[in-house]
PDB file of N, CA and C in Angstrom:
ATOM      1  N   MET A   1      11.730  11.345  26.049  1.00  0.00           N
ATOM      2  CA  MET A   1      12.820  11.583  25.159  1.00  0.00           C
ATOM      3  C   MET A   1      12.956  13.093  24.976  1.00  0.00           C
ATOM      4  N   GLU A   2      14.152  13.598  24.927  1.00  0.00           N
ATOM      5  CA  GLU A   2      14.422  15.019  24.813  1.00  0.00           C
ATOM      6  C   GLU A   2      14.485  15.414  23.340  1.00  0.00           C
ATOM      7  N   THR A   3      14.204  16.651  23.037  1.00  0.00           N
ATOM      8  CA  THR A   3      14.223  17.161  21.643  1.00  0.00           C
ATOM      9  C   THR A   3      15.625  16.981  21.045  1.00  0.00           C
ATOM     10  N   GLU A   4      16.669  17.253  21.825  1.00  0.00           N
ATOM     11  CA  GLU A   4      18.039  17.166  21.294  1.00  0.00           C
ATOM     12  C   GLU A   4      18.398  15.694  20.971  1.00  0.00           C
ATOM     13  N   ALA A   5      17.888  14.775  21.720  1.00  0.00           N
ATOM     14  CA  ALA A   5      18.135  13.383  21.395  1.00  0.00           C
ATOM     15  C   ALA A   5      17.511  12.938  20.061  1.00  0.00           C
ATOM     16  N   VAL A   6      16.324  13.406  19.832  1.00  0.00           N
ATOM     17  CA  VAL A   6      15.655  13.201  18.573  1.00  0.00           C
ATOM     18  C   VAL A   6      16.436  13.773  17.430  1.00  0.00           C
ATOM     19  N   ALA A   7      16.872  15.058  17.612  1.00  0.00           N
ATOM     20  CA  ALA A   7      17.612  15.754  16.565  1.00  0.00           C
ATOM     21  C   ALA A   7      18.931  14.974  16.302  1.00  0.00           C
ATOM     22  N   GLU A   8      19.587  14.504  17.341  1.00  0.00           N
ATOM     23  CA  GLU A   8      20.864  13.746  17.129  1.00  0.00           C
ATOM     24  C   GLU A   8      20.648  12.479  16.353  1.00  0.00           C
ATOM     25  N   LEU A   9      19.603  11.750  16.591  1.00  0.00           N
ATOM     26  CA  LEU A   9      19.258  10.544  15.870  1.00  0.00           C
ATOM     27  C   LEU A   9      19.078  10.873  14.352  1.00  0.00           C
ATOM     28  N   ILE A  10      18.334  11.966  14.104  1.00  0.00           N
ATOM     29  CA  ILE A  10      18.133  12.328  12.669  1.00  0.00           C
ATOM     30  C   ILE A  10      19.435  12.769  12.075  1.00  0.00           C
ATOM     31  N   ARG A  11      20.237  13.557  12.763  1.00  0.00           N
ATOM     32  CA  ARG A  11      21.539  14.001  12.221  1.00  0.00           C
ATOM     33  C   ARG A  11      22.430  12.785  11.926  1.00  0.00           C
ATOM     34  N   ALA A  12      22.413  11.828  12.822  1.00  0.00           N
ATOM     35  CA  ALA A  12      23.218  10.596  12.606  1.00  0.00           C
ATOM     36  C   ALA A  12      22.831   9.855  11.395  1.00  0.00           C
ATOM     37  N   GLY A  13      21.515   9.815  11.075  1.00  0.00           N
ATOM     38  CA  GLY A  13      21.018   9.091   9.931  1.00  0.00           C
ATOM     39  C   GLY A  13      21.036   9.862   8.657  1.00  0.00           C
ATOM     40  N   ILE A  14      21.070  11.171   8.783  1.00  0.00           N
ATOM     41  CA  ILE A  14      21.123  12.058   7.601  1.00  0.00           C
ATOM     42  C   ILE A  14      22.241  13.074   7.797  1.00  0.00           C
ATOM     43  N   PRO A  15      23.520  12.634   7.611  1.00  0.00           N
ATOM     44  CA  PRO A  15      24.663  13.475   7.855  1.00  0.00           C
ATOM     45  C   PRO A  15      24.578  14.791   7.085  1.00  0.00           C
ATOM     46  N   GLY A  16      24.916  15.863   7.774  1.00  0.00           N
ATOM     47  CA  GLY A  16      24.910  17.178   7.152  1.00  0.00           C
ATOM     48  C   GLY A  16      23.617  17.926   7.152  1.00  0.00           C
ATOM     49  N   ALA A  17      22.587  17.220   7.620  1.00  0.00           N
ATOM     50  CA  ALA A  17      21.220  17.851   7.654  1.00  0.00           C
ATOM     51  C   ALA A  17      21.114  18.919   8.715  1.00  0.00           C
ATOM     52  N   ASP A  18      20.386  19.999   8.435  1.00  0.00           N
ATOM     53  CA  ASP A  18      20.033  20.963   9.444  1.00  0.00           C
ATOM     54  C   ASP A  18      18.759  20.476  10.037  1.00  0.00           C
ATOM     55  N   VAL A  19      18.804  20.250  11.340  1.00  0.00           N
ATOM     56  CA  VAL A  19      17.627  19.612  12.058  1.00  0.00           C
ATOM     57  C   VAL A  19      17.190  20.503  13.183  1.00  0.00           C
ATOM     58  N   GLN A  20      15.910  20.837  13.252  1.00  0.00           N
ATOM     59  CA  GLN A  20      15.302  21.554  14.329  1.00  0.00           C
ATOM     60  C   GLN A  20      14.158  20.656  14.846  1.00  0.00           C
ATOM     61  N   VAL A  21      14.135  20.420  16.132  1.00  0.00           N
ATOM     62  CA  VAL A  21      13.086  19.615  16.733  1.00  0.00           C
ATOM     63  C   VAL A  21      12.431  20.311  17.895  1.00  0.00           C
ATOM     64  N   SER A  22      11.143  20.326  17.928  1.00  0.00           N
ATOM     65  CA  SER A  22      10.418  20.830  19.071  1.00  0.00           C
ATOM     66  C   SER A  22       9.425  19.757  19.546  1.00  0.00           C
ATOM     67  N   GLY A  23       9.016  19.853  20.765  1.00  0.00           N
ATOM     68  CA  GLY A  23       8.049  18.849  21.283  1.00  0.00           C
ATOM     69  C   GLY A  23       7.973  18.827  22.779  1.00  0.00           C
ATOM     70  N   ASP A  24       7.174  17.856  23.279  1.00  0.00           N
ATOM     71  CA  ASP A  24       6.830  17.814  24.685  1.00  0.00           C
ATOM     72  C   ASP A  24       7.316  16.560  25.426  1.00  0.00           C
ATOM     73  N   GLY A  25       8.193  15.772  24.785  1.00  0.00           N
ATOM     74  CA  GLY A  25       8.656  14.589  25.451  1.00  0.00           C
ATOM     75  C   GLY A  25       8.203  13.323  24.805  1.00  0.00           C
ATOM     76  N   SER A  26       7.047  13.339  24.157  1.00  0.00           N
ATOM     77  CA  SER A  26       6.527  12.161  23.436  1.00  0.00           C
ATOM     78  C   SER A  26       6.066  12.506  22.044  1.00  0.00           C
ATOM     79  N   HIS A  27       5.572  13.695  21.868  1.00  0.00           N
ATOM     80  CA  HIS A  27       5.108  14.193  20.512  1.00  0.00           C
ATOM     81  C   HIS A  27       6.048  15.264  20.048  1.00  0.00           C
ATOM     82  N   PHE A  28       6.663  15.061  18.881  1.00  0.00           N
ATOM     83  CA  PHE A  28       7.634  15.995  18.356  1.00  0.00           C
ATOM     84  C   PHE A  28       7.350  16.438  16.949  1.00  0.00           C
ATOM     85  N   GLU A  29       7.929  17.600  16.576  1.00  0.00           N
ATOM     86  CA  GLU A  29       7.889  18.054  15.219  1.00  0.00           C
ATOM     87  C   GLU A  29       9.335  18.323  14.840  1.00  0.00           C
ATOM     88  N   ALA A  30       9.691  17.789  13.638  1.00  0.00           N
ATOM     89  CA  ALA A  30      11.085  17.992  13.138  1.00  0.00           C
ATOM     90  C   ALA A  30      11.030  18.661  11.777  1.00  0.00           C
ATOM     91  N   ILE A  31      11.895  19.673  11.695  1.00  0.00           N
ATOM     92  CA  ILE A  31      12.128  20.334  10.355  1.00  0.00           C
ATOM     93  C   ILE A  31      13.496  19.926   9.982  1.00  0.00           C
ATOM     94  N   VAL A  32      13.599  19.216   8.859  1.00  0.00           N
ATOM     95  CA  VAL A  32      14.872  18.697   8.421  1.00  0.00           C
ATOM     96  C   VAL A  32      15.194  19.223   7.034  1.00  0.00           C
ATOM     97  N   VAL A  33      16.321  19.887   6.924  1.00  0.00           N
ATOM     98  CA  VAL A  33      16.750  20.467   5.580  1.00  0.00           C
ATOM     99  C   VAL A  33      18.007  19.802   5.167  1.00  0.00           C
ATOM    100  N   SER A  34      17.987  19.190   3.951  1.00  0.00           N
ATOM    101  CA  SER A  34      19.114  18.490   3.402  1.00  0.00           C
ATOM    102  C   SER A  34      19.060  18.387   1.933  1.00  0.00           C
ATOM    103  N   ASP A  35      20.250  18.366   1.322  1.00  0.00           N
ATOM    104  CA  ASP A  35      20.373  18.129  -0.149  1.00  0.00           C
ATOM    105  C   ASP A  35      19.880  16.707  -0.499  1.00  0.00           C
ATOM    106  N   VAL A  36      19.934  15.818   0.472  1.00  0.00           N
ATOM    107  CA  VAL A  36      19.502  14.382   0.264  1.00  0.00           C
ATOM    108  C   VAL A  36      18.076  14.314  -0.290  1.00  0.00           C
ATOM    109  N   PHE A  37      17.255  15.311   0.045  1.00  0.00           N
ATOM    110  CA  PHE A  37      15.842  15.275  -0.311  1.00  0.00           C
ATOM    111  C   PHE A  37      15.616  15.695  -1.740  1.00  0.00           C
ATOM    112  N   GLU A  38      16.612  16.226  -2.431  1.00  0.00           N
ATOM    113  CA  GLU A  38      16.458  16.684  -3.810  1.00  0.00           C
ATOM    114  C   GLU A  38      15.957  15.568  -4.693  1.00  0.00           C
ATOM    115  N   GLY A  39      14.848  15.801  -5.381  1.00  0.00           N
ATOM    116  CA  GLY A  39      14.261  14.833  -6.335  1.00  0.00           C
ATOM    117  C   GLY A  39      13.424  13.747  -5.662  1.00  0.00           C
ATOM    118  N   LEU A  40      13.298  13.745  -4.375  1.00  0.00           N
ATOM    119  CA  LEU A  40      12.464  12.751  -3.693  1.00  0.00           C
ATOM    120  C   LEU A  40      11.039  13.328  -3.447  1.00  0.00           C
ATOM    121  N   THR A  41      10.068  12.454  -3.506  1.00  0.00           N
ATOM    122  CA  THR A  41       8.682  12.875  -3.237  1.00  0.00           C
ATOM    123  C   THR A  41       8.542  13.129  -1.722  1.00  0.00           C
ATOM    124  N   PRO A  42       7.555  13.875  -1.309  1.00  0.00           N
ATOM    125  CA  PRO A  42       7.367  14.153   0.153  1.00  0.00           C
ATOM    126  C   PRO A  42       7.291  12.933   1.019  1.00  0.00           C
ATOM    127  N   ILE A  43       6.636  11.854   0.526  1.00  0.00           N
ATOM    128  CA  ILE A  43       6.492  10.647   1.303  1.00  0.00           C
ATOM    129  C   ILE A  43       7.823   9.908   1.435  1.00  0.00           C
ATOM    130  N   LYS A  44       8.662   9.965   0.417  1.00  0.00           N
ATOM    131  CA  LYS A  44       9.989   9.357   0.485  1.00  0.00           C
ATOM    132  C   LYS A  44      10.896  10.140   1.426  1.00  0.00           C
ATOM    133  N   ARG A  45      10.706  11.444   1.452  1.00  0.00           N
ATOM    134  CA  ARG A  45      11.494  12.256   2.414  1.00  0.00           C
ATOM    135  C   ARG A  45      11.125  11.937   3.803  1.00  0.00           C
ATOM    136  N   GLU A  46       9.782  11.861   4.096  1.00  0.00           N
ATOM    137  CA  GLU A  46       9.330  11.482   5.421  1.00  0.00           C
ATOM    138  C   GLU A  46       9.838  10.081   5.870  1.00  0.00           C
ATOM    139  N   ARG A  47       9.748   9.165   4.972  1.00  0.00           N
ATOM    140  CA  ARG A  47      10.258   7.809   5.259  1.00  0.00           C
ATOM    141  C   ARG A  47      11.728   7.788   5.578  1.00  0.00           C
ATOM    142  N   LEU A  48      12.472   8.574   4.881  1.00  0.00           N
ATOM    143  CA  LEU A  48      13.900   8.610   5.139  1.00  0.00           C
ATOM    144  C   LEU A  48      14.169   9.174   6.559  1.00  0.00           C
ATOM    145  N   VAL A  49      13.433  10.191   6.933  1.00  0.00           N
ATOM    146  CA  VAL A  49      13.586  10.765   8.317  1.00  0.00           C
ATOM    147  C   VAL A  49      13.112   9.739   9.367  1.00  0.00           C
ATOM    148  N   MET A  50      11.941   9.188   9.090  1.00  0.00           N
ATOM    149  CA  MET A  50      11.412   8.220  10.069  1.00  0.00           C
ATOM    150  C   MET A  50      12.264   7.005  10.276  1.00  0.00           C
ATOM    151  N   GLU A  51      12.980   6.635   9.280  1.00  0.00           N
ATOM    152  CA  GLU A  51      13.925   5.483   9.434  1.00  0.00           C
ATOM    153  C   GLU A  51      14.978   5.750  10.452  1.00  0.00           C
ATOM    154  N   THR A  52      15.349   7.020  10.640  1.00  0.00           N
ATOM    155  CA  THR A  52      16.382   7.364  11.598  1.00  0.00           C
ATOM    156  C   THR A  52      15.930   7.158  13.061  1.00  0.00           C
ATOM    157  N   VAL A  53      14.595   7.114  13.276  1.00  0.00           N
ATOM    158  CA  VAL A  53      14.065   6.963  14.660  1.00  0.00           C
ATOM    159  C   VAL A  53      13.205   5.707  14.763  1.00  0.00           C
ATOM    160  N   ARG A  54      13.330   4.772  13.848  1.00  0.00           N
ATOM    161  CA  ARG A  54      12.528   3.579  13.740  1.00  0.00           C
ATOM    162  C   ARG A  54      12.558   2.849  15.104  1.00  0.00           C
ATOM    163  N   GLU A  55      13.707   2.600  15.678  1.00  0.00           N
ATOM    164  CA  GLU A  55      13.805   1.815  16.923  1.00  0.00           C
ATOM    165  C   GLU A  55      13.106   2.513  18.056  1.00  0.00           C
ATOM    166  N   GLN A  56      13.218   3.794  18.170  1.00  0.00           N
ATOM    167  CA  GLN A  56      12.600   4.547  19.254  1.00  0.00           C
ATOM    168  C   GLN A  56      11.029   4.543  19.104  1.00  0.00           C
ATOM    169  N   VAL A  57      10.580   4.596  17.874  1.00  0.00           N
ATOM    170  CA  VAL A  57       9.097   4.474  17.642  1.00  0.00           C
ATOM    171  C   VAL A  57       8.633   3.090  18.001  1.00  0.00           C
ATOM    172  N   ALA A  58       9.380   2.086  17.534  1.00  0.00           N
ATOM    173  CA  ALA A  58       8.961   0.712  17.809  1.00  0.00           C
ATOM    174  C   ALA A  58       8.944   0.364  19.286  1.00  0.00           C
ATOM    175  N   SER A  59       9.847   0.926  20.045  1.00  0.00           N
ATOM    176  CA  SER A  59       9.927   0.653  21.547  1.00  0.00           C
ATOM    177  C   SER A  59       8.925   1.480  22.289  1.00  0.00           C
ATOM    178  N   GLY A  60       8.302   2.518  21.669  1.00  0.00           N
ATOM    179  CA  GLY A  60       7.433   3.400  22.355  1.00  0.00           C
ATOM    180  C   GLY A  60       8.071   4.519  23.067  1.00  0.00           C
ATOM    181  N   GLU A  61       9.395   4.614  22.950  1.00  0.00           N
ATOM    182  CA  GLU A  61      10.168   5.759  23.581  1.00  0.00           C
ATOM    183  C   GLU A  61       9.769   7.009  22.887  1.00  0.00           C
ATOM    184  N   LEU A  62       9.509   6.968  21.586  1.00  0.00           N
ATOM    185  CA  LEU A  62       9.081   8.120  20.810  1.00  0.00           C
ATOM    186  C   LEU A  62       7.724   7.841  20.267  1.00  0.00           C
ATOM    187  N   HIS A  63       6.696   8.576  20.764  1.00  0.00           N
ATOM    188  CA  HIS A  63       5.299   8.244  20.381  1.00  0.00           C
ATOM    189  C   HIS A  63       4.910   8.831  19.038  1.00  0.00           C
ATOM    190  N   ALA A  64       5.246  10.023  18.765  1.00  0.00           N
ATOM    191  CA  ALA A  64       4.799  10.676  17.474  1.00  0.00           C
ATOM    192  C   ALA A  64       5.863  11.716  17.005  1.00  0.00           C
ATOM    193  N   LEU A  65       6.048  11.644  15.688  1.00  0.00           N
ATOM    194  CA  LEU A  65       6.971  12.639  15.073  1.00  0.00           C
ATOM    195  C   LEU A  65       6.327  13.173  13.827  1.00  0.00           C
ATOM    196  N   SER A  66       6.138  14.422  13.782  1.00  0.00           N
ATOM    197  CA  SER A  66       5.634  15.109  12.552  1.00  0.00           C
ATOM    198  C   SER A  66       6.883  15.616  11.805  1.00  0.00           C
ATOM    199  N   VAL A  67       6.972  15.381  10.552  1.00  0.00           N
ATOM    200  CA  VAL A  67       8.168  15.657   9.770  1.00  0.00           C
ATOM    201  C   VAL A  67       7.872  16.705   8.673  1.00  0.00           C
ATOM    202  N   LYS A  68       8.693  17.686   8.589  1.00  0.00           N
ATOM    203  CA  LYS A  68       8.752  18.647   7.470  1.00  0.00           C
ATOM    204  C   LYS A  68      10.183  18.526   6.893  1.00  0.00           C
ATOM    205  N   ALA A  69      10.311  17.822   5.764  1.00  0.00           N
ATOM    206  CA  ALA A  69      11.599  17.601   5.126  1.00  0.00           C
ATOM    207  C   ALA A  69      11.684  18.408   3.883  1.00  0.00           C
ATOM    208  N   ARG A  70      12.697  19.251   3.871  1.00  0.00           N
ATOM    209  CA  ARG A  70      12.853  20.244   2.766  1.00  0.00           C
ATOM    210  C   ARG A  70      14.261  20.280   2.245  1.00  0.00           C
ATOM    211  N   THR A  71      14.380  20.689   0.964  1.00  0.00           N
ATOM    212  CA  THR A  71      15.687  20.947   0.353  1.00  0.00           C
ATOM    213  C   THR A  71      16.145  22.327   0.804  1.00  0.00           C
ATOM    214  N   PRO A  72      17.426  22.628   0.735  1.00  0.00           N
ATOM    215  CA  PRO A  72      17.877  23.955   1.115  1.00  0.00           C
ATOM    216  C   PRO A  72      17.179  25.074   0.312  1.00  0.00           C
ATOM    217  N   ALA A  73      16.901  24.823  -0.933  1.00  0.00           N
ATOM    218  CA  ALA A  73      16.198  25.800  -1.815  1.00  0.00           C
ATOM    219  C   ALA A  73      14.801  26.050  -1.332  1.00  0.00           C
ATOM    220  N   GLN A  74      14.089  25.006  -0.943  1.00  0.00           N
ATOM    221  CA  GLN A  74      12.738  25.129  -0.362  1.00  0.00           C
ATOM    222  C   GLN A  74      12.751  25.947   0.898  1.00  0.00           C
ATOM    223  N   GLN A  75      13.740  25.667   1.786  1.00  0.00           N
ATOM    224  CA  GLN A  75      13.840  26.368   3.038  1.00  0.00           C
ATOM    225  C   GLN A  75      14.147  27.811   2.780  1.00  0.00           C
ATOM    226  N   ALA A  76      15.054  28.094   1.855  1.00  0.00           N
ATOM    227  CA  ALA A  76      15.355  29.490   1.501  1.00  0.00           C
ATOM    228  C   ALA A  76      14.226  30.241   1.013  1.00  0.00           C
ATOM    229  N   ALA A  77      13.316  29.614   0.268  1.00  0.00           N
ATOM    230  CA  ALA A  77      12.120  30.237  -0.304  1.00  0.00           C
ATOM    231  C   ALA A  77      11.125  30.599   0.793  1.00  0.00           C
ATOM    232  N   ILE A  78      11.106  29.805   1.888  1.00  0.00           N
ATOM    233  CA  ILE A  78      10.288  30.094   3.076  1.00  0.00           C
ATOM    234  C   ILE A  78      10.842  31.314   3.812  1.00  0.00           C
ATOM    235  N   GLY A  79      12.129  31.464   3.762  1.00  0.00           N
ATOM    236  CA  GLY A  79      12.765  32.602   4.437  1.00  0.00           C
ATOM    237  C   GLY A  79      13.246  32.381   5.806  1.00  0.00           C
ATOM    238  N   THR A  80      13.404  31.102   6.217  1.00  0.00           N
ATOM    239  CA  THR A  80      13.921  30.782   7.564  1.00  0.00           C
ATOM    240  C   THR A  80      15.091  29.866   7.478  1.00  0.00           C
TER     241      THR A  80
END
């Protein structure tokens, strides 16, 4: 699976999110920034992102995805 395909799945499931994905074809890391995460716990944020790729994980097409889900304010505080 390509990084852009993973990013598109996340964008489709979380419209308006800023999504950056890196990885090697089976193991990926996603940084997802969205207002949707406001007020959610880190685990709820991760679950929301993982739901967007549920079918690909279940089929084995996507082996592993590490998620960093942030609000725009959190991302701005990091400086990137």
